[in-house]
Amino acid sequence: MKSRGGIQNVVVLAGSSDIARALTKKLCLADTHTVILVGRNQILLDAAALEAQEYGASKTDTVLFDAEDPSNAASTVRGAFEKAGEHVDLVVVAVGMVGHQLEDENDAAASARMMTVNVTWPVAALAEVRQRLVEQGSGRILVFSSAAAVRVRRVSYLYAGAKSGLDRICLCMAESLTGSGVRLQVIRPAAVRTRMSLGLAPTPFTTGPNEVADNIMRGFATDDVVIWSPPLLRYVFVLVRLMPPALWRRFANR
């Protein structure tokens, strides 16, 4: 599968996550030759970098960061761009954590951590990414949201609520980029079988990292601001949005 729009130089924030690795492999099989992977675990980053090389990347590098400290977001992005050393075609923002709702909702520190990792750090990083790509005059941003962000459920309101905030900010950021040469797209996957979701109950429309990556690659060829995975969710959530609150509560809390 060929990549869309000449995506040769890529920065991936949370580059060792399962979905990010699946996407990176598909990009490298196409046009991508430079991959800068940003994450918190050097061992996983090194494994992802080696994997990118095996799939066709000629240049890889890594940057460590702490998503619980938004003050490092801008410097992390700057470091990644410096290591890319060229025009950056795509920045993937895959930072996030699911947490444990029933434990975290009564824990002030854990609740704050969920907000920081899922919305505050990504938004701070996006401010720096936006500025740099606008100065370039071109580029693409892909932000990982969640289908759960569209209508938040009680059973995951910390994670889904944070993703909802990020989702709405990014939709408006996409509008702000009109005419700049820079595009922002949001990926809204259903539940995905990854390390992050281990131990969670299965839900309808659950897919794997490769399926999400395939849908992203197809989404790059469109003008859609939102990429759904699986695509059927686009229509499912038209109905979800229209559910009366009482019916939604019965459906959502199963």
C-alpha atoms as a PDB file:
ATOM      1  CA  MET A   1       0.000   0.000   0.000  1.00  0.00           C
ATOM      2  CA  LYS A   2       1.456   3.353  -1.000  1.00  0.00           C
ATOM      3  CA  SER A   3       1.381   6.170   1.534  1.00  0.00           C
ATOM      4  CA  ARG A   4      -0.717   9.191   0.726  1.00  0.00           C
ATOM      5  CA  GLY A   5       0.748  12.633   0.163  1.00  0.00           C
ATOM      6  CA  GLY A   6       4.456  11.769   0.166  1.00  0.00           C
ATOM      7  CA  ILE A   7       4.867  11.008   3.882  1.00  0.00           C
ATOM      8  CA  GLN A   8       8.635  10.612   4.055  1.00  0.00           C
ATOM      9  CA  ASN A   9       9.673  12.103   7.421  1.00  0.00           C
ATOM     10  CA  VAL A  10       7.593  11.206  10.467  1.00  0.00           C
ATOM     11  CA  VAL A  11       7.607  12.069  14.177  1.00  0.00           C
ATOM     12  CA  VAL A  12       5.578   9.716  16.386  1.00  0.00           C
ATOM     13  CA  LEU A  13       4.685  10.820  19.916  1.00  0.00           C
ATOM     14  CA  ALA A  14       4.139   7.618  21.933  1.00  0.00           C
ATOM     15  CA  GLY A  15       5.928   5.749  19.183  1.00  0.00           C
ATOM     16  CA  SER A  16       6.218   2.486  21.101  1.00  0.00           C
ATOM     17  CA  SER A  17       2.459   1.994  21.484  1.00  0.00           C
ATOM     18  CA  ASP A  18       0.969  -0.961  19.633  1.00  0.00           C
ATOM     19  CA  ILE A  19      -1.154   1.063  17.194  1.00  0.00           C
ATOM     20  CA  ALA A  20       1.631   3.563  16.517  1.00  0.00           C
ATOM     21  CA  ARG A  21       4.028   0.714  15.720  1.00  0.00           C
ATOM     22  CA  ALA A  22       1.513  -0.877  13.365  1.00  0.00           C
ATOM     23  CA  LEU A  23       1.042   2.453  11.579  1.00  0.00           C
ATOM     24  CA  THR A  24       4.786   3.121  11.421  1.00  0.00           C
ATOM     25  CA  LYS A  25       5.375  -0.221   9.724  1.00  0.00           C
ATOM     26  CA  LYS A  26       2.785   0.540   7.062  1.00  0.00           C
ATOM     27  CA  LEU A  27       4.243   3.998   6.466  1.00  0.00           C
ATOM     28  CA  CYS A  28       7.736   2.532   6.125  1.00  0.00           C
ATOM     29  CA  LEU A  29       6.522  -0.033   3.611  1.00  0.00           C
ATOM     30  CA  ALA A  30       5.396   2.925   1.530  1.00  0.00           C
ATOM     31  CA  ASP A  31       7.343   6.215   1.285  1.00  0.00           C
ATOM     32  CA  THR A  32       8.585   6.913   4.804  1.00  0.00           C
ATOM     33  CA  HIS A  33      12.349   6.812   5.311  1.00  0.00           C
ATOM     34  CA  THR A  34      12.876   8.907   8.487  1.00  0.00           C
ATOM     35  CA  VAL A  35      11.116   7.961  11.735  1.00  0.00           C
ATOM     36  CA  ILE A  36      11.632   9.732  15.066  1.00  0.00           C
ATOM     37  CA  LEU A  37      10.004   7.805  17.884  1.00  0.00           C
ATOM     38  CA  VAL A  38       9.133   9.587  21.128  1.00  0.00           C
ATOM     39  CA  GLY A  39       8.194   7.665  24.272  1.00  0.00           C
ATOM     40  CA  ARG A  40       8.890   6.897  27.909  1.00  0.00           C
ATOM     41  CA  ASN A  41      10.480   3.437  27.648  1.00  0.00           C
ATOM     42  CA  GLN A  42      13.848   3.288  25.885  1.00  0.00           C
ATOM     43  CA  ILE A  43      13.755  -0.494  25.451  1.00  0.00           C
ATOM     44  CA  LEU A  44      10.385  -0.371  23.692  1.00  0.00           C
ATOM     45  CA  LEU A  45      11.469   2.622  21.618  1.00  0.00           C
ATOM     46  CA  ASP A  46      14.609   0.804  20.476  1.00  0.00           C
ATOM     47  CA  ALA A  47      12.519  -2.214  19.494  1.00  0.00           C
ATOM     48  CA  ALA A  48      10.114   0.004  17.542  1.00  0.00           C
ATOM     49  CA  ALA A  49      13.042   1.761  15.818  1.00  0.00           C
ATOM     50  CA  LEU A  50      14.570  -1.568  14.772  1.00  0.00           C
ATOM     51  CA  GLU A  51      11.175  -2.666  13.510  1.00  0.00           C
ATOM     52  CA  ALA A  52      10.871   0.526  11.426  1.00  0.00           C
ATOM     53  CA  GLN A  53      14.270  -0.172   9.859  1.00  0.00           C
ATOM     54  CA  GLU A  54      13.238  -3.724   9.029  1.00  0.00           C
ATOM     55  CA  TYR A  55      10.200  -2.311   7.224  1.00  0.00           C
ATOM     56  CA  GLY A  56      12.190   0.169   5.143  1.00  0.00           C
ATOM     57  CA  ALA A  57      13.194   3.210   7.213  1.00  0.00           C
ATOM     58  CA  SER A  58      16.722   4.423   6.480  1.00  0.00           C
ATOM     59  CA  LYS A  59      16.943   6.778   9.471  1.00  0.00           C
ATOM     60  CA  THR A  60      15.493   6.301  12.948  1.00  0.00           C
ATOM     61  CA  ASP A  61      16.068   7.982  16.285  1.00  0.00           C
ATOM     62  CA  THR A  62      14.370   8.213  19.665  1.00  0.00           C
ATOM     63  CA  VAL A  63      13.447  10.834  22.260  1.00  0.00           C
ATOM     64  CA  LEU A  64      12.429  10.144  25.862  1.00  0.00           C
ATOM     65  CA  PHE A  65       9.658  12.158  27.528  1.00  0.00           C
ATOM     66  CA  ASP A  66       7.334  12.168  30.529  1.00  0.00           C
ATOM     67  CA  ALA A  67       3.665  12.628  29.628  1.00  0.00           C
ATOM     68  CA  GLU A  68       2.857  13.452  33.256  1.00  0.00           C
ATOM     69  CA  ASP A  69       4.830  16.709  32.972  1.00  0.00           C
ATOM     70  CA  PRO A  70       3.317  19.108  30.404  1.00  0.00           C
ATOM     71  CA  SER A  71       6.192  21.558  30.941  1.00  0.00           C
ATOM     72  CA  ASN A  72       8.396  19.287  28.822  1.00  0.00           C
ATOM     73  CA  ALA A  73       5.970  19.016  25.895  1.00  0.00           C
ATOM     74  CA  ALA A  74       7.373  21.856  23.782  1.00  0.00           C
ATOM     75  CA  SER A  75      11.002  20.858  24.354  1.00  0.00           C
ATOM     76  CA  THR A  76      10.161  17.241  23.518  1.00  0.00           C
ATOM     77  CA  VAL A  77       8.651  18.267  20.196  1.00  0.00           C
ATOM     78  CA  ARG A  78      11.602  20.542  19.447  1.00  0.00           C
ATOM     79  CA  GLY A  79      14.023  17.707  20.156  1.00  0.00           C
ATOM     80  CA  ALA A  80      12.131  15.361  17.856  1.00  0.00           C
ATOM     81  CA  PHE A  81      12.079  17.903  15.009  1.00  0.00           C
ATOM     82  CA  GLU A  82      15.791  18.543  15.449  1.00  0.00           C
ATOM     83  CA  LYS A  83      16.521  14.832  15.213  1.00  0.00           C
ATOM     84  CA  ALA A  84      14.376  14.586  12.074  1.00  0.00           C
ATOM     85  CA  GLY A  85      16.637  17.270  10.609  1.00  0.00           C
ATOM     86  CA  GLU A  86      14.414  17.744   7.580  1.00  0.00           C
ATOM     87  CA  HIS A  87      10.965  18.840   6.561  1.00  0.00           C
ATOM     88  CA  VAL A  88       8.550  16.862   8.766  1.00  0.00           C
ATOM     89  CA  ASP A  89       5.637  15.484   6.763  1.00  0.00           C
ATOM     90  CA  LEU A  90       3.613  13.877   9.545  1.00  0.00           C
ATOM     91  CA  VAL A  91       3.367  14.128  13.326  1.00  0.00           C
ATOM     92  CA  VAL A  92       1.430  11.344  15.044  1.00  0.00           C
ATOM     93  CA  VAL A  93       0.113  12.134  18.532  1.00  0.00           C
ATOM     94  CA  ALA A  94      -0.706   8.763  20.106  1.00  0.00           C
ATOM     95  CA  VAL A  95      -0.177   9.708  23.756  1.00  0.00           C
ATOM     96  CA  GLY A  96      -2.742   8.326  26.202  1.00  0.00           C
ATOM     97  CA  MET A  97      -3.578   5.994  29.066  1.00  0.00           C
ATOM     98  CA  VAL A  98      -6.760   4.058  29.899  1.00  0.00           C
ATOM     99  CA  GLY A  99      -6.354   3.897  33.677  1.00  0.00           C
ATOM    100  CA  HIS A 100      -8.730   2.105  36.053  1.00  0.00           C
ATOM    101  CA  GLN A 101     -11.993   4.024  36.345  1.00  0.00           C
ATOM    102  CA  LEU A 102     -13.357   2.612  39.606  1.00  0.00           C
ATOM    103  CA  GLU A 103     -10.024   3.083  41.372  1.00  0.00           C
ATOM    104  CA  ASP A 104      -9.070   6.410  39.806  1.00  0.00           C
ATOM    105  CA  GLU A 105     -12.383   8.252  40.257  1.00  0.00           C
ATOM    106  CA  ASN A 106     -11.853   8.452  44.043  1.00  0.00           C
ATOM    107  CA  ASP A 107      -8.153   9.279  43.805  1.00  0.00           C
ATOM    108  CA  ALA A 108      -7.314  12.934  43.190  1.00  0.00           C
ATOM    109  CA  ALA A 109      -3.773  12.246  41.991  1.00  0.00           C
ATOM    110  CA  ALA A 110      -4.839   9.428  39.676  1.00  0.00           C
ATOM    111  CA  SER A 111      -7.694  11.509  38.240  1.00  0.00           C
ATOM    112  CA  ALA A 112      -5.321  14.405  37.592  1.00  0.00           C
ATOM    113  CA  ARG A 113      -2.847  12.026  35.944  1.00  0.00           C
ATOM    114  CA  MET A 114      -5.564  10.801  33.575  1.00  0.00           C
ATOM    115  CA  MET A 115      -6.305  14.372  32.503  1.00  0.00           C
ATOM    116  CA  THR A 116      -2.634  15.267  32.151  1.00  0.00           C
ATOM    117  CA  VAL A 117      -1.656  12.293  30.004  1.00  0.00           C
ATOM    118  CA  ASN A 118      -4.789  12.179  27.851  1.00  0.00           C
ATOM    119  CA  VAL A 119      -5.399  15.852  27.169  1.00  0.00           C
ATOM    120  CA  THR A 120      -3.047  18.354  28.833  1.00  0.00           C
ATOM    121  CA  TRP A 121       0.281  16.977  27.564  1.00  0.00           C
ATOM    122  CA  PRO A 122      -1.019  16.292  24.028  1.00  0.00           C
ATOM    123  CA  VAL A 123      -2.524  19.795  23.737  1.00  0.00           C
ATOM    124  CA  ALA A 124       0.708  21.404  24.950  1.00  0.00           C
ATOM    125  CA  ALA A 125       2.674  19.335  22.428  1.00  0.00           C
ATOM    126  CA  LEU A 126       0.233  20.199  19.648  1.00  0.00           C
ATOM    127  CA  ALA A 127       0.803  23.924  20.210  1.00  0.00           C
ATOM    128  CA  GLU A 128       4.487  23.434  19.360  1.00  0.00           C
ATOM    129  CA  VAL A 129       3.735  21.024  16.502  1.00  0.00           C
ATOM    130  CA  ARG A 130       1.215  23.451  15.025  1.00  0.00           C
ATOM    131  CA  GLN A 131       3.650  26.351  15.097  1.00  0.00           C
ATOM    132  CA  ARG A 132       6.457  24.377  13.471  1.00  0.00           C
ATOM    133  CA  LEU A 133       4.358  22.908  10.674  1.00  0.00           C
ATOM    134  CA  VAL A 134       2.713  26.258   9.912  1.00  0.00           C
ATOM    135  CA  GLU A 135       6.192  27.786   9.639  1.00  0.00           C
ATOM    136  CA  GLN A 136       7.072  24.998   7.188  1.00  0.00           C
ATOM    137  CA  GLY A 137       3.963  25.781   5.192  1.00  0.00           C
ATOM    138  CA  SER A 138       2.918  22.134   4.958  1.00  0.00           C
ATOM    139  CA  GLY A 139       2.559  18.912   6.908  1.00  0.00           C
ATOM    140  CA  ARG A 140       0.003  16.654   8.478  1.00  0.00           C
ATOM    141  CA  ILE A 141      -0.999  15.942  12.079  1.00  0.00           C
ATOM    142  CA  LEU A 142      -2.753  12.775  13.188  1.00  0.00           C
ATOM    143  CA  VAL A 143      -4.215  12.768  16.715  1.00  0.00           C
ATOM    144  CA  PHE A 144      -5.440   9.633  18.464  1.00  0.00           C
ATOM    145  CA  SER A 145      -8.861  10.214  20.012  1.00  0.00           C
ATOM    146  CA  SER A 146     -11.409   7.466  20.701  1.00  0.00           C
ATOM    147  CA  ALA A 147     -14.915   6.539  19.672  1.00  0.00           C
ATOM    148  CA  ALA A 148     -15.628   6.632  23.415  1.00  0.00           C
ATOM    149  CA  ALA A 149     -15.101  10.403  23.303  1.00  0.00           C
ATOM    150  CA  VAL A 150     -18.230  10.998  21.249  1.00  0.00           C
ATOM    151  CA  ARG A 151     -20.643  10.208  24.088  1.00  0.00           C
ATOM    152  CA  VAL A 152     -18.995   9.569  27.430  1.00  0.00           C
ATOM    153  CA  ARG A 153     -20.045   6.553  29.499  1.00  0.00           C
ATOM    154  CA  ARG A 154     -20.110   6.359  33.272  1.00  0.00           C
ATOM    155  CA  VAL A 155     -17.881   3.256  33.211  1.00  0.00           C
ATOM    156  CA  SER A 156     -14.993   5.162  31.598  1.00  0.00           C
ATOM    157  CA  TYR A 157     -15.725   8.828  32.164  1.00  0.00           C
ATOM    158  CA  LEU A 158     -12.197   9.835  33.128  1.00  0.00           C
ATOM    159  CA  TYR A 159     -10.561   8.379  30.017  1.00  0.00           C
ATOM    160  CA  ALA A 160     -13.427   9.133  27.638  1.00  0.00           C
ATOM    161  CA  GLY A 161     -14.004  12.596  29.093  1.00  0.00           C
ATOM    162  CA  ALA A 162     -10.351  13.516  28.649  1.00  0.00           C
ATOM    163  CA  LYS A 163     -10.355  12.157  25.098  1.00  0.00           C
ATOM    164  CA  SER A 164     -13.550  14.103  24.430  1.00  0.00           C
ATOM    165  CA  GLY A 165     -11.792  17.310  25.411  1.00  0.00           C
ATOM    166  CA  LEU A 166      -8.822  16.497  23.193  1.00  0.00           C
ATOM    167  CA  ASP A 167     -11.155  15.553  20.336  1.00  0.00           C
ATOM    168  CA  ARG A 168     -13.050  18.847  20.445  1.00  0.00           C
ATOM    169  CA  ILE A 169      -9.873  20.912  20.693  1.00  0.00           C
ATOM    170  CA  CYS A 170      -8.419  19.114  17.686  1.00  0.00           C
ATOM    171  CA  LEU A 171     -11.535  19.607  15.561  1.00  0.00           C
ATOM    172  CA  CYS A 172     -11.241  23.350  16.145  1.00  0.00           C
ATOM    173  CA  MET A 173      -7.477  23.250  15.605  1.00  0.00           C
ATOM    174  CA  ALA A 174      -8.151  21.613  12.235  1.00  0.00           C
ATOM    175  CA  GLU A 175     -10.366  24.590  11.342  1.00  0.00           C
ATOM    176  CA  SER A 176      -7.679  27.018  12.485  1.00  0.00           C
ATOM    177  CA  LEU A 177      -5.236  25.444  10.009  1.00  0.00           C
ATOM    178  CA  THR A 178      -7.392  26.174   6.965  1.00  0.00           C
ATOM    179  CA  GLY A 179      -5.256  27.810   4.292  1.00  0.00           C
ATOM    180  CA  SER A 180      -1.976  27.148   6.133  1.00  0.00           C
ATOM    181  CA  GLY A 181      -0.937  24.108   4.117  1.00  0.00           C
ATOM    182  CA  VAL A 182      -1.179  21.971   7.260  1.00  0.00           C
ATOM    183  CA  ARG A 183      -3.884  19.336   7.828  1.00  0.00           C
ATOM    184  CA  LEU A 184      -5.033  17.781  11.073  1.00  0.00           C
ATOM    185  CA  GLN A 185      -6.982  14.541  11.228  1.00  0.00           C
ATOM    186  CA  VAL A 186      -8.434  12.786  14.267  1.00  0.00           C
ATOM    187  CA  ILE A 187      -8.613   9.002  14.489  1.00  0.00           C
ATOM    188  CA  ARG A 188     -11.530   7.639  16.517  1.00  0.00           C
ATOM    189  CA  PRO A 189     -11.029   3.905  16.981  1.00  0.00           C
ATOM    190  CA  ALA A 190     -13.310   1.580  18.864  1.00  0.00           C
ATOM    191  CA  ALA A 191     -11.653  -0.586  21.509  1.00  0.00           C
ATOM    192  CA  VAL A 192      -8.372  -2.033  20.259  1.00  0.00           C
ATOM    193  CA  ARG A 193      -6.601  -5.182  21.430  1.00  0.00           C
ATOM    194  CA  THR A 194      -3.342  -3.717  22.762  1.00  0.00           C
ATOM    195  CA  ARG A 195      -1.147  -3.841  25.863  1.00  0.00           C
ATOM    196  CA  MET A 196      -3.058  -0.833  27.180  1.00  0.00           C
ATOM    197  CA  SER A 197      -6.397  -2.678  27.047  1.00  0.00           C
ATOM    198  CA  LEU A 198      -5.276  -5.897  28.723  1.00  0.00           C
ATOM    199  CA  GLY A 199      -7.765  -6.991  31.369  1.00  0.00           C
ATOM    200  CA  LEU A 200     -10.616  -4.840  30.038  1.00  0.00           C
ATOM    201  CA  ALA A 201     -13.906  -6.472  29.065  1.00  0.00           C
ATOM    202  CA  PRO A 202     -14.388  -6.842  25.282  1.00  0.00           C
ATOM    203  CA  THR A 203     -16.769  -4.395  23.621  1.00  0.00           C
ATOM    204  CA  PRO A 204     -18.563  -4.321  20.253  1.00  0.00           C
ATOM    205  CA  PHE A 205     -16.461  -3.380  17.204  1.00  0.00           C
ATOM    206  CA  THR A 206     -13.181  -4.264  18.925  1.00  0.00           C
ATOM    207  CA  THR A 207     -10.350  -4.516  16.383  1.00  0.00           C
ATOM    208  CA  GLY A 208      -6.590  -4.974  16.340  1.00  0.00           C
ATOM    209  CA  PRO A 209      -3.747  -2.483  15.751  1.00  0.00           C
ATOM    210  CA  ASN A 210      -3.303  -3.519  12.114  1.00  0.00           C
ATOM    211  CA  GLU A 211      -6.940  -2.852  11.283  1.00  0.00           C
ATOM    212  CA  VAL A 212      -6.704   0.623  12.831  1.00  0.00           C
ATOM    213  CA  ALA A 213      -3.493   1.332  10.923  1.00  0.00           C
ATOM    214  CA  ASP A 214      -5.128   0.231   7.651  1.00  0.00           C
ATOM    215  CA  ASN A 215      -8.064   2.573   8.275  1.00  0.00           C
ATOM    216  CA  ILE A 216      -5.682   5.433   9.000  1.00  0.00           C
ATOM    217  CA  MET A 217      -3.784   4.830   5.768  1.00  0.00           C
ATOM    218  CA  ARG A 218      -7.054   4.903   3.849  1.00  0.00           C
ATOM    219  CA  GLY A 219      -8.129   8.003   5.753  1.00  0.00           C
ATOM    220  CA  PHE A 220      -4.987   9.842   4.662  1.00  0.00           C
ATOM    221  CA  ALA A 221      -6.326   9.698   1.106  1.00  0.00           C
ATOM    222  CA  THR A 222      -9.532  11.525   2.055  1.00  0.00           C
ATOM    223  CA  ASP A 223     -10.475  15.048   3.080  1.00  0.00           C
ATOM    224  CA  ASP A 224     -12.135  13.750   6.248  1.00  0.00           C
ATOM    225  CA  VAL A 225     -11.129  15.475   9.470  1.00  0.00           C
ATOM    226  CA  VAL A 226     -12.292  12.412  11.419  1.00  0.00           C
ATOM    227  CA  ILE A 227     -11.146   8.881  10.569  1.00  0.00           C
ATOM    228  CA  TRP A 228     -13.314   6.173  12.124  1.00  0.00           C
ATOM    229  CA  SER A 229     -12.082   2.657  12.865  1.00  0.00           C
ATOM    230  CA  PRO A 230     -13.898   0.558  11.894  1.00  0.00           C
ATOM    231  CA  PRO A 231     -15.541   2.918   9.339  1.00  0.00           C
ATOM    232  CA  LEU A 232     -19.016   1.617  10.236  1.00  0.00           C
ATOM    233  CA  LEU A 233     -18.780   3.539  13.512  1.00  0.00           C
ATOM    234  CA  ARG A 234     -19.406   6.764  11.598  1.00  0.00           C
ATOM    235  CA  TYR A 235     -23.022   5.643  11.164  1.00  0.00           C
ATOM    236  CA  VAL A 236     -23.394   3.873  14.506  1.00  0.00           C
ATOM    237  CA  PHE A 237     -22.557   7.070  16.355  1.00  0.00           C
ATOM    238  CA  VAL A 238     -25.159   9.055  14.446  1.00  0.00           C
ATOM    239  CA  LEU A 239     -27.659   6.894  16.333  1.00  0.00           C
ATOM    240  CA  VAL A 240     -25.692   7.029  19.575  1.00  0.00           C
ATOM    241  CA  ARG A 241     -25.813  10.820  19.578  1.00  0.00           C
ATOM    242  CA  LEU A 242     -29.603  10.730  19.149  1.00  0.00           C
ATOM    243  CA  MET A 243     -30.308   8.317  22.021  1.00  0.00           C
ATOM    244  CA  PRO A 244     -32.408   9.878  24.824  1.00  0.00           C
ATOM    245  CA  PRO A 245     -30.473  10.068  28.114  1.00  0.00           C
ATOM    246  CA  ALA A 246     -32.485   7.311  29.821  1.00  0.00           C
ATOM    247  CA  LEU A 247     -31.932   4.882  26.943  1.00  0.00           C
ATOM    248  CA  TRP A 248     -28.277   5.858  26.686  1.00  0.00           C
ATOM    249  CA  ARG A 249     -27.714   5.102  30.366  1.00  0.00           C
ATOM    250  CA  ARG A 250     -29.164   1.612  29.947  1.00  0.00           C
ATOM    251  CA  PHE A 251     -27.087   0.976  26.835  1.00  0.00           C
ATOM    252  CA  ALA A 252     -23.859   2.575  28.012  1.00  0.00           C
ATOM    253  CA  ASN A 253     -23.596   0.986  31.441  1.00  0.00           C
ATOM    254  CA  ARG A 254     -23.767  -2.601  30.220  1.00  0.00           C
END
